[in-house]
N, C-alpha and C. Protein backbone atom coordinates (compact mmCIF):
# COMPACT_ATOMS: atom_id res chain seq x y z
N MET A 1 11.70 -3.49 -15.24
CA MET A 1 11.62 -2.41 -15.99
C MET A 1 11.24 -1.10 -15.09
N ARG A 2 10.07 -1.63 -14.17
CA ARG A 2 9.56 -0.94 -12.96
C ARG A 2 10.70 -0.43 -11.68
N ALA A 3 11.72 -1.48 -11.69
CA ALA A 3 12.51 -1.21 -10.96
C ALA A 3 13.10 -0.76 -11.18
N VAL A 4 13.52 -0.49 -12.48
CA VAL A 4 14.64 0.76 -13.16
C VAL A 4 13.80 1.57 -12.63
N PHE A 5 12.80 2.21 -12.66
CA PHE A 5 12.11 3.60 -13.26
C PHE A 5 12.18 4.30 -11.72
N MET A 6 12.09 2.82 -10.75
CA MET A 6 12.52 3.00 -8.73
C MET A 6 13.23 3.44 -8.58
N GLY A 7 14.79 3.77 -9.77
CA GLY A 7 16.01 3.87 -9.01
C GLY A 7 17.29 2.42 -9.04
N LEU A 8 16.17 1.57 -8.52
CA LEU A 8 17.02 0.50 -8.32
C LEU A 8 18.31 0.35 -8.87
N ALA A 9 19.24 -0.20 -8.38
CA ALA A 9 20.22 -0.35 -9.32
C ALA A 9 20.69 -1.73 -9.99
N SER A 10 20.79 -1.64 -11.11
CA SER A 10 21.23 -3.20 -12.09
C SER A 10 22.12 -3.95 -11.31
N SER A 11 22.37 -3.21 -10.16
CA SER A 11 23.70 -4.54 -9.61
C SER A 11 22.82 -5.26 -8.47
N ASP A 12 21.53 -4.79 -8.47
CA ASP A 12 20.87 -5.51 -7.02
C ASP A 12 19.59 -6.30 -7.71
N PHE A 13 19.99 -6.50 -8.56
CA PHE A 13 18.72 -6.85 -10.17
C PHE A 13 18.33 -8.62 -9.23
N GLN A 14 19.90 -9.03 -9.63
CA GLN A 14 19.85 -10.56 -8.84
C GLN A 14 18.91 -11.09 -7.56
N THR A 15 19.30 -9.78 -6.59
CA THR A 15 17.89 -10.37 -4.95
C THR A 15 17.05 -9.33 -5.23
N ILE A 16 16.67 -8.66 -6.21
CA ILE A 16 15.62 -8.23 -6.36
C ILE A 16 14.70 -9.25 -6.86
N VAL A 17 15.01 -10.20 -7.92
CA VAL A 17 14.60 -10.71 -8.57
C VAL A 17 13.98 -12.37 -7.64
N ASP A 18 15.28 -12.35 -6.97
CA ASP A 18 15.03 -13.52 -6.04
C ASP A 18 13.35 -13.30 -5.05
N ASP A 19 13.71 -11.90 -4.54
CA ASP A 19 12.83 -11.45 -3.42
C ASP A 19 11.66 -11.45 -4.07
N VAL A 20 11.73 -11.23 -5.48
CA VAL A 20 10.05 -11.08 -6.27
C VAL A 20 9.56 -12.73 -6.87
N VAL A 21 10.46 -13.83 -7.19
CA VAL A 21 9.93 -14.62 -7.25
C VAL A 21 9.55 -15.42 -5.66
N ASN A 22 10.19 -15.07 -4.88
CA ASN A 22 9.72 -15.74 -3.48
C ASN A 22 8.71 -15.14 -2.95
N PHE A 23 8.30 -13.34 -2.89
CA PHE A 23 6.95 -13.44 -2.11
C PHE A 23 5.74 -13.84 -3.43
N THR A 24 6.31 -13.44 -4.42
CA THR A 24 5.40 -13.38 -5.58
C THR A 24 4.17 -14.50 -5.94
N GLU A 25 5.14 -15.87 -5.38
CA GLU A 25 5.14 -17.39 -5.79
C GLU A 25 4.67 -18.11 -6.74
N LEU A 26 5.21 -16.41 -8.14
CA LEU A 26 4.53 -16.44 -9.28
C LEU A 26 5.86 -17.36 -10.72
N ALA A 27 7.26 -18.62 -9.81
CA ALA A 27 8.13 -18.20 -10.59
C ALA A 27 8.05 -19.48 -11.89
N GLU A 28 6.87 -19.77 -11.68
CA GLU A 28 6.45 -20.47 -13.31
C GLU A 28 5.86 -20.00 -14.28
N PHE A 29 5.40 -19.08 -13.94
CA PHE A 29 4.61 -18.00 -14.92
C PHE A 29 5.79 -16.92 -15.16
N LEU A 30 6.45 -15.91 -14.81
CA LEU A 30 7.47 -15.23 -15.03
C LEU A 30 8.11 -14.97 -15.71
N HIS A 31 8.73 -15.87 -16.79
CA HIS A 31 8.74 -16.10 -18.07
C HIS A 31 8.01 -15.54 -19.52
N LEU A 32 6.70 -15.90 -18.70
CA LEU A 32 5.45 -15.09 -19.95
C LEU A 32 5.51 -13.75 -19.44
N PRO A 33 4.64 -13.77 -21.45
CA PRO A 33 4.14 -11.89 -21.28
C PRO A 33 3.54 -11.46 -20.54
N VAL A 34 3.38 -10.35 -19.65
CA VAL A 34 2.94 -9.45 -18.69
C VAL A 34 1.62 -9.43 -18.80
N ARG A 35 1.04 -9.65 -19.97
CA ARG A 35 0.12 -9.46 -20.71
C ARG A 35 -0.95 -10.37 -20.68
N THR A 36 -0.54 -11.59 -20.31
CA THR A 36 -1.04 -13.14 -19.87
C THR A 36 -1.15 -13.34 -18.67
N TYR A 37 -1.45 -12.21 -17.78
CA TYR A 37 -1.17 -12.19 -16.16
C TYR A 37 -3.09 -12.27 -15.73
N SER A 38 -3.12 -13.13 -14.86
CA SER A 38 -4.57 -12.80 -14.18
C SER A 38 -4.50 -11.17 -13.57
N THR A 39 -5.63 -10.57 -13.21
CA THR A 39 -5.49 -9.36 -12.26
C THR A 39 -5.03 -9.27 -11.13
N GLY A 40 -5.53 -10.43 -10.61
CA GLY A 40 -4.56 -11.14 -9.20
C GLY A 40 -2.73 -11.02 -9.30
N MET A 41 -2.17 -12.39 -10.65
CA MET A 41 -0.92 -12.13 -11.03
C MET A 41 -0.56 -10.97 -10.80
N MET A 42 -1.22 -9.91 -11.61
CA MET A 42 -0.39 -8.65 -11.82
C MET A 42 -0.20 -8.04 -9.96
N LEU A 43 -0.93 -8.37 -9.62
CA LEU A 43 -1.49 -7.52 -8.30
C LEU A 43 -0.38 -7.76 -7.29
N ARG A 44 0.53 -9.27 -7.56
CA ARG A 44 0.71 -9.69 -6.75
C ARG A 44 2.57 -8.95 -7.59
N LEU A 45 2.73 -8.93 -8.50
CA LEU A 45 4.00 -8.41 -9.08
C LEU A 45 4.22 -7.00 -9.04
N ALA A 46 3.48 -6.70 -9.30
CA ALA A 46 3.13 -4.99 -9.17
C ALA A 46 3.40 -4.57 -7.35
N PHE A 47 3.44 -5.36 -6.89
CA PHE A 47 2.83 -5.19 -5.01
C PHE A 47 4.62 -5.18 -4.85
N ALA A 48 5.16 -6.83 -5.27
CA ALA A 48 6.01 -7.12 -4.93
C ALA A 48 7.71 -6.75 -4.93
N VAL A 49 6.92 -6.14 -5.93
CA VAL A 49 8.28 -4.73 -7.02
C VAL A 49 8.09 -3.48 -6.31
N SER A 50 6.75 -3.12 -5.61
CA SER A 50 6.36 -1.93 -4.96
C SER A 50 7.18 -1.52 -3.96
N THR A 51 6.98 -2.51 -3.51
CA THR A 51 7.85 -2.42 -1.82
C THR A 51 9.64 -2.78 -1.40
N LEU A 52 9.80 -2.75 -2.53
CA LEU A 52 11.53 -3.05 -2.82
C LEU A 52 12.16 -1.81 -2.11
N ILE A 53 11.92 -0.95 -2.33
CA ILE A 53 12.16 0.19 -2.19
C ILE A 53 11.77 0.74 -0.84
N ASN A 54 12.69 1.74 0.15
CA ASN A 54 12.60 2.36 1.08
C ASN A 54 12.55 3.57 1.00
N PRO A 55 11.34 4.50 1.15
CA PRO A 55 10.73 5.50 0.81
C PRO A 55 10.89 6.35 2.00
N ASP A 56 10.52 7.35 1.81
CA ASP A 56 10.63 8.83 2.81
C ASP A 56 9.73 8.89 3.13
N ILE A 57 8.26 9.15 1.66
CA ILE A 57 6.73 9.19 2.11
C ILE A 57 6.64 7.97 1.40
N LEU A 58 5.59 7.33 1.81
CA LEU A 58 4.35 6.32 1.62
C LEU A 58 3.16 6.92 0.91
N LEU A 59 2.48 7.28 0.05
CA LEU A 59 1.67 7.31 -0.79
C LEU A 59 0.42 5.82 -0.23
N LEU A 60 -0.61 5.87 -0.17
CA LEU A 60 -1.10 4.28 0.13
C LEU A 60 -2.62 5.31 -0.20
N ASP A 61 -3.16 4.64 -1.64
CA ASP A 61 -4.83 4.71 -1.40
C ASP A 61 -5.48 2.88 -1.36
N GLU A 62 -6.01 3.07 0.68
CA GLU A 62 -6.28 1.97 0.94
C GLU A 62 -5.40 0.08 0.60
N MET A 63 -5.71 -0.18 1.74
CA MET A 63 -4.79 -1.07 2.09
C MET A 63 -5.37 -1.98 0.61
N ILE A 64 -4.68 -3.23 0.50
CA ILE A 64 -4.48 -4.77 -0.04
C ILE A 64 -5.21 -5.06 0.51
N GLY A 65 -6.26 -5.48 -0.57
CA GLY A 65 -7.16 -6.59 -0.38
C GLY A 65 -7.77 -7.50 -1.31
N THR A 66 -7.38 -8.08 -2.11
CA THR A 66 -7.50 -8.88 -3.39
C THR A 66 -6.22 -9.88 -3.23
N GLY A 67 -7.05 -10.80 -3.53
CA GLY A 67 -6.40 -12.36 -3.69
C GLY A 67 -6.38 -13.75 -2.72
N ASP A 68 -6.10 -13.94 -3.27
CA ASP A 68 -6.91 -15.50 -1.71
C ASP A 68 -6.01 -15.46 -0.01
N ALA A 69 -6.39 -15.60 0.97
CA ALA A 69 -6.37 -15.67 1.74
C ALA A 69 -4.57 -15.89 2.29
N SER A 70 -3.78 -16.84 1.91
CA SER A 70 -2.43 -17.07 2.05
C SER A 70 -2.09 -15.33 1.52
N PHE A 71 -2.09 -14.64 0.77
CA PHE A 71 -1.46 -13.58 -0.04
C PHE A 71 -1.57 -12.65 0.38
N ILE A 72 -2.64 -12.64 0.89
CA ILE A 72 -3.31 -11.57 1.48
C ILE A 72 -2.78 -11.33 3.17
N SER A 73 -2.70 -12.28 3.75
CA SER A 73 -1.82 -12.28 5.25
C SER A 73 -0.10 -12.19 4.45
N LYS A 74 0.03 -13.08 3.92
CA LYS A 74 1.59 -11.65 3.61
C LYS A 74 1.96 -11.04 3.24
N ALA A 75 0.80 -11.05 2.30
CA ALA A 75 0.83 -8.84 1.71
C ALA A 75 1.05 -8.59 3.19
N ASN A 76 0.08 -8.78 3.81
CA ASN A 76 -0.21 -7.73 5.49
C ASN A 76 1.65 -7.93 5.77
N LEU A 77 1.90 -8.86 5.91
CA LEU A 77 3.01 -8.91 7.10
C LEU A 77 3.79 -7.96 6.11
N ARG A 78 3.93 -7.70 4.47
CA ARG A 78 4.86 -7.51 3.71
C ARG A 78 4.89 -5.93 4.10
N LEU A 79 3.73 -5.94 4.22
CA LEU A 79 3.46 -3.95 4.39
C LEU A 79 3.68 -4.14 5.80
N ASN A 80 3.60 -3.95 6.75
CA ASN A 80 3.68 -3.75 7.98
C ASN A 80 5.26 -3.73 7.98
N ASN A 81 5.68 -4.04 7.19
CA ASN A 81 7.39 -3.64 7.50
C ASN A 81 7.94 -3.27 6.64
N PHE A 82 6.90 -2.79 4.90
CA PHE A 82 7.41 -1.54 4.56
C PHE A 82 6.97 -0.47 5.28
N ILE A 83 6.08 0.31 6.03
CA ILE A 83 5.11 0.50 6.57
C ILE A 83 6.51 1.63 8.09
N ASP A 84 6.75 0.55 8.63
CA ASP A 84 8.64 0.43 9.21
C ASP A 84 9.17 0.85 8.58
N ARG A 85 9.60 0.79 7.82
CA ARG A 85 10.63 1.23 7.64
C ARG A 85 10.61 3.11 6.32
N THR A 86 9.10 3.77 6.83
CA THR A 86 9.15 5.08 5.99
C THR A 86 8.62 5.81 7.15
N GLY A 87 9.49 6.77 6.89
CA GLY A 87 9.74 8.44 7.53
C GLY A 87 7.71 8.19 7.49
N ILE A 88 7.16 9.01 6.91
CA ILE A 88 5.56 9.51 6.51
C ILE A 88 5.24 8.60 5.31
N LEU A 89 3.81 8.48 6.32
CA LEU A 89 2.95 7.47 5.55
C LEU A 89 1.46 8.27 5.25
N LEU A 90 1.13 8.94 3.82
CA LEU A 90 -0.15 8.94 3.84
C LEU A 90 -1.52 8.05 3.17
N LEU A 91 -2.24 8.01 3.49
CA LEU A 91 -2.92 6.83 3.52
C LEU A 91 -4.39 7.44 3.11
N ALA A 92 -5.09 6.92 1.92
CA ALA A 92 -6.16 7.58 1.89
C ALA A 92 -6.92 6.07 2.46
N SER A 93 -8.32 6.28 3.38
CA SER A 93 -8.64 5.20 2.93
C SER A 93 -10.16 5.18 3.44
N HIS A 94 -11.47 4.50 3.82
CA HIS A 94 -12.83 4.76 4.34
C HIS A 94 -12.48 3.46 5.72
N ASN A 95 -11.68 1.86 5.51
CA ASN A 95 -11.62 1.37 6.98
C ASN A 95 -10.94 2.19 8.04
N ASN A 96 -12.36 2.34 9.01
CA ASN A 96 -11.68 2.35 10.04
C ASN A 96 -10.82 2.54 11.10
N GLU A 97 -11.03 0.49 10.51
CA GLU A 97 -10.13 0.31 11.70
C GLU A 97 -8.24 -0.12 10.94
N ILE A 98 -8.28 -0.05 9.85
CA ILE A 98 -7.27 0.36 9.10
C ILE A 98 -6.53 1.17 9.49
N LEU A 99 -7.52 2.97 9.31
CA LEU A 99 -6.96 4.44 9.99
C LEU A 99 -6.94 4.17 11.55
N SER A 100 -6.73 3.22 12.50
CA SER A 100 -6.90 3.66 14.05
C SER A 100 -5.73 2.93 13.89
N LYS A 101 -5.42 1.80 13.33
CA LYS A 101 -4.23 0.94 13.15
C LYS A 101 -2.72 1.43 12.73
N PHE A 102 -3.38 2.52 11.63
CA PHE A 102 -1.45 2.73 11.36
C PHE A 102 -1.52 3.91 11.06
N CYS A 103 -2.43 5.12 11.38
CA CYS A 103 -2.24 6.25 11.77
C CYS A 103 -3.57 7.20 13.10
N ASN A 104 -1.89 8.16 13.26
CA ASN A 104 -2.01 9.00 14.41
C ASN A 104 -2.61 10.33 14.28
N ARG A 105 -2.75 10.48 12.86
CA ARG A 105 -3.37 12.06 12.45
C ARG A 105 -4.33 11.99 11.32
N GLY A 106 -5.72 12.36 11.43
CA GLY A 106 -6.40 12.13 10.57
C GLY A 106 -7.29 13.48 9.80
N ILE A 107 -7.23 13.18 8.49
CA ILE A 107 -7.32 14.48 7.85
C ILE A 107 -9.03 14.56 7.19
N VAL A 108 -9.86 14.79 7.26
CA VAL A 108 -11.03 15.09 6.71
C VAL A 108 -11.29 16.16 5.56
N PHE A 109 -11.12 16.20 4.31
CA PHE A 109 -11.87 16.63 2.86
C PHE A 109 -12.78 16.35 3.25
N TYR A 110 -13.76 17.35 1.86
CA TYR A 110 -14.80 17.94 1.95
C TYR A 110 -14.16 18.60 0.27
N SER A 111 -15.43 18.83 -0.96
CA SER A 111 -15.26 19.11 -1.27
C SER A 111 -13.38 20.12 -1.89
N GLY A 112 -12.74 19.28 -1.42
CA GLY A 112 -11.24 19.37 -1.77
C GLY A 112 -11.05 20.49 -1.35
N GLN A 113 -11.53 21.03 0.54
CA GLN A 113 -12.07 21.81 1.55
C GLN A 113 -11.25 21.30 2.08
N VAL A 114 -10.39 20.98 3.51
CA VAL A 114 -9.79 20.42 4.94
C VAL A 114 -11.20 21.08 5.58
N ILE A 115 -11.98 19.97 6.26
CA ILE A 115 -13.09 20.64 7.19
C ILE A 115 -12.64 19.28 8.72
N PHE A 116 -12.03 18.72 9.04
CA PHE A 116 -11.43 18.43 9.66
C PHE A 116 -9.93 18.21 10.05
N ASP A 117 -8.94 18.40 10.49
CA ASP A 117 -7.77 18.58 11.12
C ASP A 117 -7.44 17.75 12.64
N GLY A 118 -7.36 16.73 12.97
CA GLY A 118 -6.83 16.15 14.66
C GLY A 118 -6.70 15.02 14.36
N LEU A 119 -6.17 14.38 16.05
CA LEU A 119 -5.86 13.25 16.58
C LEU A 119 -6.94 11.88 15.50
N ILE A 120 -6.78 11.17 14.86
CA ILE A 120 -6.90 10.14 13.92
C ILE A 120 -8.62 9.50 14.55
N GLU A 121 -8.65 9.34 16.22
CA GLU A 121 -10.12 9.32 17.07
C GLU A 121 -10.66 10.20 16.89
N ASP A 122 -10.56 11.15 16.91
CA ASP A 122 -11.10 12.61 16.90
C ASP A 122 -11.94 12.71 15.33
N ALA A 123 -11.05 12.26 14.34
CA ALA A 123 -10.97 12.33 12.83
C ALA A 123 -12.38 11.91 12.42
N LEU A 124 -11.74 9.99 12.92
CA LEU A 124 -12.43 9.65 12.56
C LEU A 124 -14.46 9.77 13.47
N TYR A 125 -14.86 10.29 15.03
CA TYR A 125 -15.82 10.87 15.56
C TYR A 125 -16.60 11.80 14.18
N PHE A 126 -15.21 12.14 14.15
CA PHE A 126 -16.25 13.78 13.41
C PHE A 126 -16.83 13.62 12.05
N TYR A 127 -15.67 12.27 11.27
CA TYR A 127 -16.41 11.95 9.84
C TYR A 127 -17.86 11.33 10.17
N SER A 128 -17.61 9.97 10.97
CA SER A 128 -19.03 9.49 11.49
C SER A 128 -20.00 10.11 11.93
N ASN A 129 -19.85 10.86 12.98
CA ASN A 129 -21.03 11.63 13.20
C ASN A 129 -21.86 13.39 13.40
N LYS A 130 -20.34 14.13 11.94
CA LYS A 130 -20.58 15.15 11.64
C LYS A 130 -20.35 15.80 10.71
N PHE A 131 -20.03 14.47 9.16
CA PHE A 131 -19.50 14.98 9.21
C PHE A 131 -20.99 15.60 7.96
N HIS A 132 -21.62 14.65 7.93
CA HIS A 132 -23.37 15.93 7.25
C HIS A 132 -24.21 16.68 7.40
N GLN A 133 -23.84 17.63 8.75
CA GLN A 133 -24.13 18.65 9.16
C GLN A 133 -23.74 19.45 8.16
N PRO A 134 -24.37 20.71 8.07
CA PRO A 134 -23.72 21.06 6.80
C PRO A 134 -22.98 22.31 7.53
N TYR A 135 -22.05 22.74 6.16
CA TYR A 135 -20.53 23.85 7.06
C TYR A 135 -21.01 24.85 6.24
């Protein structure tokens, strides 16, 4: 259903299903009702389907950090490829390493207002060293 809502053509469904089965490693469980899935299984399925399209703008709130080490590694590789196919990435995170890796610009908000906008290194410095000063 999610693939339909994302606008994927029904003619592509077999390729989509094959990709999801291979990526999620849930082949023996995909015939079960989704309500019986664990949180990790739901995450794998949602992540696999969500990364099937090539968006012009990608919005991410934090990065994937759930699952066993093997899945996290596989998901990070898929996510990197997904990001490479995206025109614009908007990433919300408190992880400086991830922000430095994926972003070239940083915006710091406070109470719904932009209080800093500049290079990611400068934004991280501002947030770490000056954010707690009164404005």
